[in-house]
Amino acid sequence: MHEQSPSTDQDDSGGPGARICQRRRERGCLSIEAGAHRGLLCGGGPTDAVARILGAKLGALLGQQFLVENKTGAGGNIGADLVAKAVPDGYTLLMATVSTHAINPGLYKKMPYDPIQDFAPVGEIGVTPIMLAVHPSLPAADVKSLVALIRQRPGNFTYGSSGLGSILHLCGEEFKELAGGLNIAHVPYRGSAPMMSDLVGGQISMAFDATPTALPQARAGAIRAIGAGMATRMRAMPELPTMQEQGLAGFECYTWTALLAPARAPQPIIDVLSEAMAKALADPIVLDRLQEAGIDPTPGMTPAKTAEFIKAELAKWAPIIRASGAQIE
């Protein structure tokens, strides 16, 4: 999906955006490749929406137009690889996700890029909370009663996910492990929409899902929210205790989005983009729009902090992926 390139008239503003723009006017200045995670690869999906919200504000701040292009497939690997191999001039950027930079490196047998060496972080944009929910027929209202029920009837319950090796699959694996090795059958779907449909219909017992999909169903009473996946309570549902608060020490599961450039991008370009991104995430209108898209913004994530965050995410998910046995050729 492409937006119209702006006019290539001379930009005499003299600001940092003008200095960046002068070198690549024929391409409409900066562009973002939106490499979304499994289940959110089409135009209009959450990663695409985040790219457009952030790109519009960055464009206003830098005096340039950001072009959003979706490159789908292989869990976001195709788009990420294009950016990894792009000219490192700061004009092609990646909307990285938990899939492209934390899960896929452990899931795919062969990766076309190195998630650390091939990218230069600009900053983290935000996280999308995930919650555990059950079908209302299950006699469980919290984590403790759900774990007890599963232990009483091992092998009789199922949990759905948006696909083998997806973040929702791994949330379930983390839950099983941290709860003491629960016996719950995994039912993978082709995306979260059919999974949620079957959870509402009672074809599966429980599932982890991101709040944009799960929250409306929980509020409508179609599913029962059991616990929030982050270490802190969700802004959208503060009355729901976290999994950690309910005794599942160390449990934390959510999706995230970060802006990355190719490795060896000039540091002045990274600095300009990072500064503009910080200003964008300080704008109340941008914050509101991101929250409407299901994102909890994370201001203050500098390039250095984002690099450390990605390394920590890789280290966290690698053993969980190995334990799940999931692998894609």
C-alpha atoms as a PDB file:
ATOM      1  CA  MET A   1       0.000   0.000   0.000  1.00  0.00           C
ATOM      2  CA  HIS A   2       1.497   3.313  -1.093  1.00  0.00           C
ATOM      3  CA  GLU A   3       0.677   6.925  -0.377  1.00  0.00           C
ATOM      4  CA  GLN A   4       1.207   9.646  -2.948  1.00  0.00           C
ATOM      5  CA  SER A   5       4.712  11.090  -3.013  1.00  0.00           C
ATOM      6  CA  PRO A   6       4.855  14.782  -2.162  1.00  0.00           C
ATOM      7  CA  SER A   7       5.981  17.508  -4.541  1.00  0.00           C
ATOM      8  CA  THR A   8       9.730  17.781  -4.906  1.00  0.00           C
ATOM      9  CA  ASP A   9       9.700  21.564  -4.595  1.00  0.00           C
ATOM     10  CA  GLN A  10      12.669  23.016  -2.713  1.00  0.00           C
ATOM     11  CA  ASP A  11      12.355  22.871   1.081  1.00  0.00           C
ATOM     12  CA  ASP A  12      13.984  26.006   2.464  1.00  0.00           C
ATOM     13  CA  SER A  13      13.041  25.484   6.088  1.00  0.00           C
ATOM     14  CA  GLY A  14      16.663  24.854   7.021  1.00  0.00           C
ATOM     15  CA  GLY A  15      15.588  22.363   9.708  1.00  0.00           C
ATOM     16  CA  PRO A  16      16.887  18.801  10.123  1.00  0.00           C
ATOM     17  CA  GLY A  17      14.128  17.468   7.907  1.00  0.00           C
ATOM     18  CA  ALA A  18      15.279  19.683   5.046  1.00  0.00           C
ATOM     19  CA  ARG A  19      18.869  18.474   5.372  1.00  0.00           C
ATOM     20  CA  ILE A  20      17.746  14.829   5.283  1.00  0.00           C
ATOM     21  CA  CYS A  21      15.371  15.437   2.409  1.00  0.00           C
ATOM     22  CA  GLN A  22      17.746  17.122   0.027  1.00  0.00           C
ATOM     23  CA  ARG A  23      19.593  13.881  -0.758  1.00  0.00           C
ATOM     24  CA  ARG A  24      16.612  11.770  -1.864  1.00  0.00           C
ATOM     25  CA  ARG A  25      13.903  14.028  -3.293  1.00  0.00           C
ATOM     26  CA  GLU A  26      13.044  11.596  -6.075  1.00  0.00           C
ATOM     27  CA  ARG A  27      11.736   9.123  -3.462  1.00  0.00           C
ATOM     28  CA  GLY A  28       9.598  11.526  -1.484  1.00  0.00           C
ATOM     29  CA  CYS A  29      12.158  11.562   1.332  1.00  0.00           C
ATOM     30  CA  LEU A  30      11.601   9.012   4.095  1.00  0.00           C
ATOM     31  CA  SER A  31       9.599   5.815   3.893  1.00  0.00           C
ATOM     32  CA  ILE A  32       8.506   3.184   6.391  1.00  0.00           C
ATOM     33  CA  GLU A  33       8.238  -0.507   5.591  1.00  0.00           C
ATOM     34  CA  ALA A  34       5.434  -1.900   7.747  1.00  0.00           C
ATOM     35  CA  GLY A  35       6.472  -5.521   8.427  1.00  0.00           C
ATOM     36  CA  ALA A  36       3.509  -6.716  10.538  1.00  0.00           C
ATOM     37  CA  HIS A  37       3.416  -9.919  12.789  1.00  0.00           C
ATOM     38  CA  ARG A  38       1.499 -13.038  12.004  1.00  0.00           C
ATOM     39  CA  GLY A  39      -2.215 -12.419  11.711  1.00  0.00           C
ATOM     40  CA  LEU A  40      -1.828  -8.618  11.184  1.00  0.00           C
ATOM     41  CA  LEU A  41      -0.235  -8.462   7.751  1.00  0.00           C
ATOM     42  CA  CYS A  42      -2.929  -6.799   5.643  1.00  0.00           C
ATOM     43  CA  GLY A  43      -3.433  -3.119   5.025  1.00  0.00           C
ATOM     44  CA  GLY A  44      -5.316  -1.483   7.876  1.00  0.00           C
ATOM     45  CA  GLY A  45      -3.924  -3.902  10.466  1.00  0.00           C
ATOM     46  CA  PRO A  46      -2.416  -2.691  13.738  1.00  0.00           C
ATOM     47  CA  THR A  47       1.178  -2.355  12.510  1.00  0.00           C
ATOM     48  CA  ASP A  48       0.038  -0.500   9.420  1.00  0.00           C
ATOM     49  CA  ALA A  49      -2.130   1.765  11.597  1.00  0.00           C
ATOM     50  CA  VAL A  50       0.783   2.530  13.921  1.00  0.00           C
ATOM     51  CA  ALA A  51       3.022   3.307  10.930  1.00  0.00           C
ATOM     52  CA  ARG A  52       0.475   5.761   9.567  1.00  0.00           C
ATOM     53  CA  ILE A  53      -0.142   7.475  12.911  1.00  0.00           C
ATOM     54  CA  LEU A  54       3.571   7.864  13.618  1.00  0.00           C
ATOM     55  CA  GLY A  55       4.484   8.628  10.017  1.00  0.00           C
ATOM     56  CA  ALA A  56       1.975  11.464   9.798  1.00  0.00           C
ATOM     57  CA  LYS A  57       3.385  13.141  12.902  1.00  0.00           C
ATOM     58  CA  LEU A  58       7.009  12.586  11.930  1.00  0.00           C
ATOM     59  CA  GLY A  59       6.221  14.019   8.518  1.00  0.00           C
ATOM     60  CA  ALA A  60       4.786  17.153  10.113  1.00  0.00           C
ATOM     61  CA  LEU A  61       7.778  17.518  12.422  1.00  0.00           C
ATOM     62  CA  LEU A  62      10.415  16.942   9.734  1.00  0.00           C
ATOM     63  CA  GLY A  63       8.677  18.592   6.804  1.00  0.00           C
ATOM     64  CA  GLN A  64       8.560  15.361   4.802  1.00  0.00           C
ATOM     65  CA  GLN A  65       6.050  12.715   3.807  1.00  0.00           C
ATOM     66  CA  PHE A  66       6.478   9.200   5.122  1.00  0.00           C
ATOM     67  CA  LEU A  67       5.356   6.504   2.685  1.00  0.00           C
ATOM     68  CA  VAL A  68       3.867   3.408   4.286  1.00  0.00           C
ATOM     69  CA  GLU A  69       4.299   0.160   2.382  1.00  0.00           C
ATOM     70  CA  ASN A  70       3.154  -3.231   3.639  1.00  0.00           C
ATOM     71  CA  LYS A  71       5.465  -6.137   2.870  1.00  0.00           C
ATOM     72  CA  THR A  72       3.707  -9.223   4.161  1.00  0.00           C
ATOM     73  CA  GLY A  73       4.748 -12.835   4.494  1.00  0.00           C
ATOM     74  CA  ALA A  74       6.906 -15.113   6.645  1.00  0.00           C
ATOM     75  CA  GLY A  75       5.753 -13.466   9.841  1.00  0.00           C
ATOM     76  CA  GLY A  76       7.182 -10.113   8.785  1.00  0.00           C
ATOM     77  CA  ASN A  77      10.544 -11.523   7.685  1.00  0.00           C
ATOM     78  CA  ILE A  78      10.125 -10.338   4.094  1.00  0.00           C
ATOM     79  CA  GLY A  79       9.673  -6.686   5.032  1.00  0.00           C
ATOM     80  CA  ALA A  80      12.381  -6.846   7.690  1.00  0.00           C
ATOM     81  CA  ASP A  81      14.844  -8.389   5.251  1.00  0.00           C
ATOM     82  CA  LEU A  82      14.188  -5.653   2.692  1.00  0.00           C
ATOM     83  CA  VAL A  83      15.047  -3.021   5.279  1.00  0.00           C
ATOM     84  CA  ALA A  84      18.082  -4.951   6.520  1.00  0.00           C
ATOM     85  CA  LYS A  85      19.461  -4.955   2.969  1.00  0.00           C
ATOM     86  CA  ALA A  86      18.388  -1.400   2.086  1.00  0.00           C
ATOM     87  CA  VAL A  87      20.883   1.393   1.549  1.00  0.00           C
ATOM     88  CA  PRO A  88      21.684   2.549   5.128  1.00  0.00           C
ATOM     89  CA  ASP A  89      20.880   6.203   4.515  1.00  0.00           C
ATOM     90  CA  GLY A  90      17.908   6.529   6.853  1.00  0.00           C
ATOM     91  CA  TYR A  91      15.316   6.628   4.083  1.00  0.00           C
ATOM     92  CA  THR A  92      13.958   3.130   4.519  1.00  0.00           C
ATOM     93  CA  LEU A  93      12.816   2.177   8.015  1.00  0.00           C
ATOM     94  CA  LEU A  94      11.155  -0.846   9.586  1.00  0.00           C
ATOM     95  CA  MET A  95       8.193  -1.084  11.897  1.00  0.00           C
ATOM     96  CA  ALA A  96       9.694  -3.994  13.812  1.00  0.00           C
ATOM     97  CA  THR A  97       7.539  -6.229  15.990  1.00  0.00           C
ATOM     98  CA  VAL A  98       7.902  -8.972  18.564  1.00  0.00           C
ATOM     99  CA  SER A  99       7.633 -11.394  15.635  1.00  0.00           C
ATOM    100  CA  THR A 100      10.356  -9.950  13.404  1.00  0.00           C
ATOM    101  CA  HIS A 101      12.876  -9.333  16.177  1.00  0.00           C
ATOM    102  CA  ALA A 102      12.137 -11.686  19.078  1.00  0.00           C
ATOM    103  CA  ILE A 103      10.160 -14.741  17.918  1.00  0.00           C
ATOM    104  CA  ASN A 104      11.097 -15.425  14.303  1.00  0.00           C
ATOM    105  CA  PRO A 105      14.853 -15.753  14.978  1.00  0.00           C
ATOM    106  CA  GLY A 106      14.088 -18.747  17.205  1.00  0.00           C
ATOM    107  CA  LEU A 107      11.175 -20.052  15.168  1.00  0.00           C
ATOM    108  CA  TYR A 108      12.556 -20.112  11.615  1.00  0.00           C
ATOM    109  CA  LYS A 109      15.274 -22.617  10.814  1.00  0.00           C
ATOM    110  CA  LYS A 110      16.902 -20.128   8.441  1.00  0.00           C
ATOM    111  CA  MET A 111      16.679 -16.382   8.929  1.00  0.00           C
ATOM    112  CA  PRO A 112      17.493 -13.936   6.103  1.00  0.00           C
ATOM    113  CA  TYR A 113      18.750 -11.283   8.527  1.00  0.00           C
ATOM    114  CA  ASP A 114      20.326 -10.871  11.948  1.00  0.00           C
ATOM    115  CA  PRO A 115      17.881  -9.065  14.282  1.00  0.00           C
ATOM    116  CA  ILE A 116      20.710  -7.304  16.136  1.00  0.00           C
ATOM    117  CA  GLN A 117      23.596  -6.852  13.703  1.00  0.00           C
ATOM    118  CA  ASP A 118      21.523  -5.781  10.681  1.00  0.00           C
ATOM    119  CA  PHE A 119      19.558  -2.940  12.315  1.00  0.00           C
ATOM    120  CA  ALA A 120      20.050   0.359  14.102  1.00  0.00           C
ATOM    121  CA  PRO A 121      17.211   1.090  16.565  1.00  0.00           C
ATOM    122  CA  VAL A 122      15.529   4.488  16.545  1.00  0.00           C
ATOM    123  CA  GLY A 123      13.140   3.796  19.412  1.00  0.00           C
ATOM    124  CA  GLU A 124      10.289   1.700  20.723  1.00  0.00           C
ATOM    125  CA  ILE A 125       6.837   3.048  19.936  1.00  0.00           C
ATOM    126  CA  GLY A 126       4.641   1.067  22.264  1.00  0.00           C
ATOM    127  CA  VAL A 127       3.255  -2.254  23.430  1.00  0.00           C
ATOM    128  CA  THR A 128      -0.071  -3.995  22.921  1.00  0.00           C
ATOM    129  CA  PRO A 129      -1.320  -5.761  26.057  1.00  0.00           C
ATOM    130  CA  ILE A 130      -2.470  -9.365  25.858  1.00  0.00           C
ATOM    131  CA  MET A 131      -5.018 -11.009  28.144  1.00  0.00           C
ATOM    132  CA  LEU A 132      -5.984 -14.566  29.014  1.00  0.00           C
ATOM    133  CA  ALA A 133      -9.675 -15.268  28.536  1.00  0.00           C
ATOM    134  CA  VAL A 134     -11.895 -18.337  28.827  1.00  0.00           C
ATOM    135  CA  HIS A 135     -15.273 -19.374  27.510  1.00  0.00           C
ATOM    136  CA  PRO A 136     -17.950 -18.388  30.071  1.00  0.00           C
ATOM    137  CA  SER A 137     -18.938 -22.033  30.548  1.00  0.00           C
ATOM    138  CA  LEU A 138     -15.688 -22.751  32.376  1.00  0.00           C
ATOM    139  CA  PRO A 139     -16.136 -22.513  36.163  1.00  0.00           C
ATOM    140  CA  ALA A 140     -13.064 -20.311  36.608  1.00  0.00           C
ATOM    141  CA  ALA A 141     -12.913 -16.613  37.380  1.00  0.00           C
ATOM    142  CA  ASP A 142      -9.207 -16.129  38.032  1.00  0.00           C
ATOM    143  CA  VAL A 143      -5.833 -17.742  37.435  1.00  0.00           C
ATOM    144  CA  LYS A 144      -5.897 -19.805  40.641  1.00  0.00           C
ATOM    145  CA  SER A 145      -9.260 -21.409  39.925  1.00  0.00           C
ATOM    146  CA  LEU A 146      -8.375 -21.970  36.252  1.00  0.00           C
ATOM    147  CA  VAL A 147      -5.106 -23.736  37.098  1.00  0.00           C
ATOM    148  CA  ALA A 148      -6.907 -25.874  39.686  1.00  0.00           C
ATOM    149  CA  LEU A 149      -9.568 -26.827  37.143  1.00  0.00           C
ATOM    150  CA  ILE A 150      -6.972 -27.833  34.535  1.00  0.00           C
ATOM    151  CA  ARG A 151      -5.093 -29.925  37.084  1.00  0.00           C
ATOM    152  CA  GLN A 152      -8.301 -31.692  38.097  1.00  0.00           C
ATOM    153  CA  ARG A 153      -9.054 -32.588  34.469  1.00  0.00           C
ATOM    154  CA  PRO A 154      -5.732 -32.777  32.604  1.00  0.00           C
ATOM    155  CA  GLY A 155      -5.999 -33.101  28.841  1.00  0.00           C
ATOM    156  CA  ASN A 156      -9.648 -31.995  28.736  1.00  0.00           C
ATOM    157  CA  PHE A 157      -9.027 -28.354  27.871  1.00  0.00           C
ATOM    158  CA  THR A 158      -7.714 -26.526  24.827  1.00  0.00           C
ATOM    159  CA  TYR A 159      -6.200 -23.161  24.137  1.00  0.00           C
ATOM    160  CA  GLY A 160      -6.218 -21.425  20.781  1.00  0.00           C
ATOM    161  CA  SER A 161      -3.635 -19.265  19.079  1.00  0.00           C
ATOM    162  CA  SER A 162      -3.230 -17.298  15.873  1.00  0.00           C
ATOM    163  CA  GLY A 163      -0.777 -19.881  14.530  1.00  0.00           C
ATOM    164  CA  LEU A 164       2.120 -22.169  15.324  1.00  0.00           C
ATOM    165  CA  GLY A 165       4.935 -20.123  16.845  1.00  0.00           C
ATOM    166  CA  SER A 166       2.842 -16.959  17.071  1.00  0.00           C
ATOM    167  CA  ILE A 167       3.064 -14.726  20.128  1.00  0.00           C
ATOM    168  CA  LEU A 168      -0.336 -16.037  21.273  1.00  0.00           C
ATOM    169  CA  HIS A 169       0.926 -19.630  21.028  1.00  0.00           C
ATOM    170  CA  LEU A 170       4.007 -18.738  23.070  1.00  0.00           C
ATOM    171  CA  CYS A 171       1.926 -16.917  25.688  1.00  0.00           C
ATOM    172  CA  GLY A 172       0.086 -20.194  26.186  1.00  0.00           C
ATOM    173  CA  GLU A 173       3.346 -22.140  26.431  1.00  0.00           C
ATOM    174  CA  GLU A 174       4.704 -19.685  28.988  1.00  0.00           C
ATOM    175  CA  PHE A 175       1.498 -19.997  31.003  1.00  0.00           C
ATOM    176  CA  LYS A 176       1.669 -23.806  30.964  1.00  0.00           C
ATOM    177  CA  GLU A 177       5.293 -23.806  32.079  1.00  0.00           C
ATOM    178  CA  LEU A 178       5.053 -21.187  34.826  1.00  0.00           C
ATOM    179  CA  ALA A 179       1.886 -22.774  36.216  1.00  0.00           C
ATOM    180  CA  GLY A 180       3.798 -26.001  36.826  1.00  0.00           C
ATOM    181  CA  GLY A 181       3.472 -27.907  33.557  1.00  0.00           C
ATOM    182  CA  LEU A 182      -0.222 -27.846  32.682  1.00  0.00           C
ATOM    183  CA  ASN A 183      -1.710 -30.324  30.221  1.00  0.00           C
ATOM    184  CA  ILE A 184      -3.655 -28.181  27.738  1.00  0.00           C
ATOM    185  CA  ALA A 185      -3.890 -28.971  24.028  1.00  0.00           C
ATOM    186  CA  HIS A 186      -2.830 -26.249  21.604  1.00  0.00           C
ATOM    187  CA  VAL A 187      -5.189 -25.464  18.703  1.00  0.00           C
ATOM    188  CA  PRO A 188      -3.510 -23.212  16.102  1.00  0.00           C
ATOM    189  CA  TYR A 189      -5.632 -21.063  13.771  1.00  0.00           C
ATOM    190  CA  ARG A 190      -4.866 -18.986  10.700  1.00  0.00           C
ATOM    191  CA  GLY A 191      -5.067 -15.675  12.512  1.00  0.00           C
ATOM    192  CA  SER A 192      -6.660 -14.423  15.709  1.00  0.00           C
ATOM    193  CA  ALA A 193     -10.107 -13.660  14.225  1.00  0.00           C
ATOM    194  CA  PRO A 194     -11.161 -17.309  13.672  1.00  0.00           C
ATOM    195  CA  MET A 195      -9.597 -18.209  17.020  1.00  0.00           C
ATOM    196  CA  MET A 196     -11.699 -15.616  18.826  1.00  0.00           C
ATOM    197  CA  SER A 197     -14.791 -16.758  16.936  1.00  0.00           C
ATOM    198  CA  ASP A 198     -14.276 -20.307  18.202  1.00  0.00           C
ATOM    199  CA  LEU A 199     -13.575 -19.112  21.741  1.00  0.00           C
ATOM    200  CA  VAL A 200     -16.844 -17.184  21.760  1.00  0.00           C
ATOM    201  CA  GLY A 201     -18.585 -20.255  20.308  1.00  0.00           C
ATOM    202  CA  GLY A 202     -17.100 -22.604  22.885  1.00  0.00           C
ATOM    203  CA  GLN A 203     -15.103 -24.720  20.426  1.00  0.00           C
ATOM    204  CA  ILE A 204     -11.950 -23.992  22.458  1.00  0.00           C
ATOM    205  CA  SER A 205     -11.652 -23.500  26.209  1.00  0.00           C
ATOM    206  CA  MET A 206      -9.348 -20.511  26.474  1.00  0.00           C
ATOM    207  CA  ALA A 207      -6.944 -18.260  24.607  1.00  0.00           C
ATOM    208  CA  PHE A 208      -4.543 -15.410  24.946  1.00  0.00           C
ATOM    209  CA  ASP A 209      -5.325 -12.494  22.649  1.00  0.00           C
ATOM    210  CA  ALA A 210      -4.418  -8.860  22.191  1.00  0.00           C
ATOM    211  CA  THR A 211      -6.751  -6.317  23.743  1.00  0.00           C
ATOM    212  CA  PRO A 212      -8.067  -4.764  20.483  1.00  0.00           C
ATOM    213  CA  THR A 213      -9.735  -8.115  19.724  1.00  0.00           C
ATOM    214  CA  ALA A 214     -10.337  -9.537  23.188  1.00  0.00           C
ATOM    215  CA  LEU A 215     -11.477  -6.485  25.130  1.00  0.00           C
ATOM    216  CA  PRO A 216     -14.752  -5.852  23.248  1.00  0.00           C
ATOM    217  CA  GLN A 217     -15.722  -9.518  23.628  1.00  0.00           C
ATOM    218  CA  ALA A 218     -14.882  -9.490  27.348  1.00  0.00           C
ATOM    219  CA  ARG A 219     -16.896  -6.329  27.952  1.00  0.00           C
ATOM    220  CA  ALA A 220     -19.824  -7.842  26.064  1.00  0.00           C
ATOM    221  CA  GLY A 221     -19.702 -10.967  28.245  1.00  0.00           C
ATOM    222  CA  ALA A 222     -18.965 -13.263  25.302  1.00  0.00           C
ATOM    223  CA  ILE A 223     -15.717 -14.361  26.987  1.00  0.00           C
ATOM    224  CA  ARG A 224     -14.420 -14.043  30.559  1.00  0.00           C
ATOM    225  CA  ALA A 225     -11.186 -12.162  31.160  1.00  0.00           C
ATOM    226  CA  ILE A 226      -8.927 -14.050  33.576  1.00  0.00           C
ATOM    227  CA  GLY A 227      -5.699 -12.085  33.733  1.00  0.00           C
ATOM    228  CA  ALA A 228      -3.642  -9.345  32.073  1.00  0.00           C
ATOM    229  CA  GLY A 229      -0.390 -10.414  30.471  1.00  0.00           C
ATOM    230  CA  MET A 230       1.836  -7.447  31.272  1.00  0.00           C
ATOM    231  CA  ALA A 231       3.639  -6.748  34.544  1.00  0.00           C
ATOM    232  CA  THR A 232       1.349  -3.764  35.114  1.00  0.00           C
ATOM    233  CA  ARG A 233      -2.414  -3.564  34.749  1.00  0.00           C
ATOM    234  CA  MET A 234      -3.890  -2.552  31.421  1.00  0.00           C
ATOM    235  CA  ARG A 235      -4.979   1.055  30.953  1.00  0.00           C
ATOM    236  CA  ALA A 236      -8.055  -0.144  29.087  1.00  0.00           C
ATOM    237  CA  MET A 237      -9.146  -2.566  31.845  1.00  0.00           C
ATOM    238  CA  PRO A 238      -7.468  -1.544  35.115  1.00  0.00           C
ATOM    239  CA  GLU A 239      -9.791  -3.688  37.222  1.00  0.00           C
ATOM    240  CA  LEU A 240      -8.303  -6.889  35.721  1.00  0.00           C
ATOM    241  CA  PRO A 241      -5.392  -8.186  37.847  1.00  0.00           C
ATOM    242  CA  THR A 242      -2.210  -9.213  36.072  1.00  0.00           C
ATOM    243  CA  MET A 243      -1.123 -12.825  35.834  1.00  0.00           C
ATOM    244  CA  GLN A 244       1.795 -11.942  38.104  1.00  0.00           C
ATOM    245  CA  GLU A 245      -0.508 -10.451  40.742  1.00  0.00           C
ATOM    246  CA  GLN A 246      -2.419 -13.722  40.700  1.00  0.00           C
ATOM    247  CA  GLY A 247       0.633 -15.775  41.584  1.00  0.00           C
ATOM    248  CA  LEU A 248       2.224 -16.512  38.209  1.00  0.00           C
ATOM    249  CA  ALA A 249       5.632 -15.060  39.027  1.00  0.00           C
ATOM    250  CA  GLY A 250       7.617 -13.863  36.031  1.00  0.00           C
ATOM    251  CA  PHE A 251       4.773 -14.129  33.519  1.00  0.00           C
ATOM    252  CA  GLU A 252       4.819 -11.346  30.969  1.00  0.00           C
ATOM    253  CA  CYS A 253       3.419 -11.534  27.453  1.00  0.00           C
ATOM    254  CA  TYR A 254       2.606  -8.712  25.063  1.00  0.00           C
ATOM    255  CA  THR A 255       3.342  -7.512  21.557  1.00  0.00           C
ATOM    256  CA  TRP A 256       5.412  -4.449  20.749  1.00  0.00           C
ATOM    257  CA  THR A 257       6.384  -2.158  17.900  1.00  0.00           C
ATOM    258  CA  ALA A 258       9.684  -0.350  17.350  1.00  0.00           C
ATOM    259  CA  LEU A 259      11.173   1.822  14.627  1.00  0.00           C
ATOM    260  CA  LEU A 260      14.477   0.556  13.196  1.00  0.00           C
ATOM    261  CA  ALA A 261      16.849   1.662  10.455  1.00  0.00           C
ATOM    262  CA  PRO A 262      19.337  -0.517   8.584  1.00  0.00           C
ATOM    263  CA  ALA A 263      22.656  -1.041  10.356  1.00  0.00           C
ATOM    264  CA  ARG A 264      25.314   1.574   9.573  1.00  0.00           C
ATOM    265  CA  ALA A 265      22.720   4.307   9.097  1.00  0.00           C
ATOM    266  CA  PRO A 266      24.470   7.623   9.861  1.00  0.00           C
ATOM    267  CA  GLN A 267      24.242   8.529  13.534  1.00  0.00           C
ATOM    268  CA  PRO A 268      23.048  12.097  12.771  1.00  0.00           C
ATOM    269  CA  ILE A 269      20.072  10.600  10.920  1.00  0.00           C
ATOM    270  CA  ILE A 270      19.293   8.263  13.834  1.00  0.00           C
ATOM    271  CA  ASP A 271      19.521  11.228  16.220  1.00  0.00           C
ATOM    272  CA  VAL A 272      17.141  13.346  14.127  1.00  0.00           C
ATOM    273  CA  LEU A 273      14.605  10.521  13.850  1.00  0.00           C
ATOM    274  CA  SER A 274      14.881   9.656  17.553  1.00  0.00           C
ATOM    275  CA  GLU A 275      14.343  13.267  18.576  1.00  0.00           C
ATOM    276  CA  ALA A 276      11.333  13.589  16.270  1.00  0.00           C
ATOM    277  CA  MET A 277       9.904  10.321  17.571  1.00  0.00           C
ATOM    278  CA  ALA A 278      10.234  11.543  21.161  1.00  0.00           C
ATOM    279  CA  LYS A 279       8.317  14.694  20.235  1.00  0.00           C
ATOM    280  CA  ALA A 280       5.666  12.631  18.461  1.00  0.00           C
ATOM    281  CA  LEU A 281       5.126  10.409  21.510  1.00  0.00           C
ATOM    282  CA  ALA A 282       4.778  13.512  23.683  1.00  0.00           C
ATOM    283  CA  ASP A 283       1.858  14.758  21.573  1.00  0.00           C
ATOM    284  CA  PRO A 284      -1.499  14.052  23.321  1.00  0.00           C
ATOM    285  CA  ILE A 285      -3.249  13.604  19.969  1.00  0.00           C
ATOM    286  CA  VAL A 286      -0.731  10.984  18.851  1.00  0.00           C
ATOM    287  CA  LEU A 287      -0.989   9.226  22.218  1.00  0.00           C
ATOM    288  CA  ASP A 288      -4.780   9.116  21.963  1.00  0.00           C
ATOM    289  CA  ARG A 289      -4.680   7.756  18.420  1.00  0.00           C
ATOM    290  CA  LEU A 290      -2.183   5.053  19.349  1.00  0.00           C
ATOM    291  CA  GLN A 291      -4.291   4.012  22.330  1.00  0.00           C
ATOM    292  CA  GLU A 292      -7.356   3.859  20.087  1.00  0.00           C
ATOM    293  CA  ALA A 293      -5.349   1.430  17.900  1.00  0.00           C
ATOM    294  CA  GLY A 294      -4.668  -0.750  20.959  1.00  0.00           C
ATOM    295  CA  ILE A 295      -1.131   0.499  21.624  1.00  0.00           C
ATOM    296  CA  ASP A 296       0.162   1.614  25.023  1.00  0.00           C
ATOM    297  CA  PRO A 297       2.854   4.145  24.006  1.00  0.00           C
ATOM    298  CA  THR A 298       6.281   3.823  25.614  1.00  0.00           C
ATOM    299  CA  PRO A 299       7.906   7.282  25.528  1.00  0.00           C
ATOM    300  CA  GLY A 300      11.526   7.575  26.598  1.00  0.00           C
ATOM    301  CA  MET A 301      12.789   4.485  24.775  1.00  0.00           C
ATOM    302  CA  THR A 302      16.023   5.828  23.300  1.00  0.00           C
ATOM    303  CA  PRO A 303      17.974   3.962  20.603  1.00  0.00           C
ATOM    304  CA  ALA A 304      20.238   2.456  23.282  1.00  0.00           C
ATOM    305  CA  LYS A 305      17.327   1.398  25.492  1.00  0.00           C
ATOM    306  CA  THR A 306      15.508  -0.078  22.499  1.00  0.00           C
ATOM    307  CA  ALA A 307      18.592  -2.092  21.522  1.00  0.00           C
ATOM    308  CA  GLU A 308      18.807  -3.558  25.029  1.00  0.00           C
ATOM    309  CA  PHE A 309      15.066  -4.248  25.050  1.00  0.00           C
ATOM    310  CA  ILE A 310      15.272  -6.232  21.794  1.00  0.00           C
ATOM    311  CA  LYS A 311      18.210  -8.277  23.126  1.00  0.00           C
ATOM    312  CA  ALA A 312      16.228  -9.052  26.289  1.00  0.00           C
ATOM    313  CA  GLU A 313      13.187 -10.107  24.241  1.00  0.00           C
ATOM    314  CA  LEU A 314      15.310 -12.446  22.130  1.00  0.00           C
ATOM    315  CA  ALA A 315      16.763 -14.019  25.268  1.00  0.00           C
ATOM    316  CA  LYS A 316      13.333 -14.401  26.838  1.00  0.00           C
ATOM    317  CA  TRP A 317      11.529 -16.084  23.963  1.00  0.00           C
ATOM    318  CA  ALA A 318      14.297 -18.385  22.655  1.00  0.00           C
ATOM    319  CA  PRO A 319      13.943 -21.058  25.383  1.00  0.00           C
ATOM    320  CA  ILE A 320      10.143 -20.918  25.274  1.00  0.00           C
ATOM    321  CA  ILE A 321      10.197 -21.480  21.519  1.00  0.00           C
ATOM    322  CA  ARG A 322      12.586 -24.422  21.917  1.00  0.00           C
ATOM    323  CA  ALA A 323      10.419 -25.962  24.630  1.00  0.00           C
ATOM    324  CA  SER A 324       7.309 -25.627  22.444  1.00  0.00           C
ATOM    325  CA  GLY A 325       8.931 -27.597  19.640  1.00  0.00           C
ATOM    326  CA  ALA A 326       7.680 -25.080  17.081  1.00  0.00           C
ATOM    327  CA  GLN A 327       9.890 -24.609  14.031  1.00  0.00           C
ATOM    328  CA  ILE A 328       9.346 -23.351  10.494  1.00  0.00           C
ATOM    329  CA  GLU A 329      11.619 -24.318   7.629  1.00  0.00           C
END
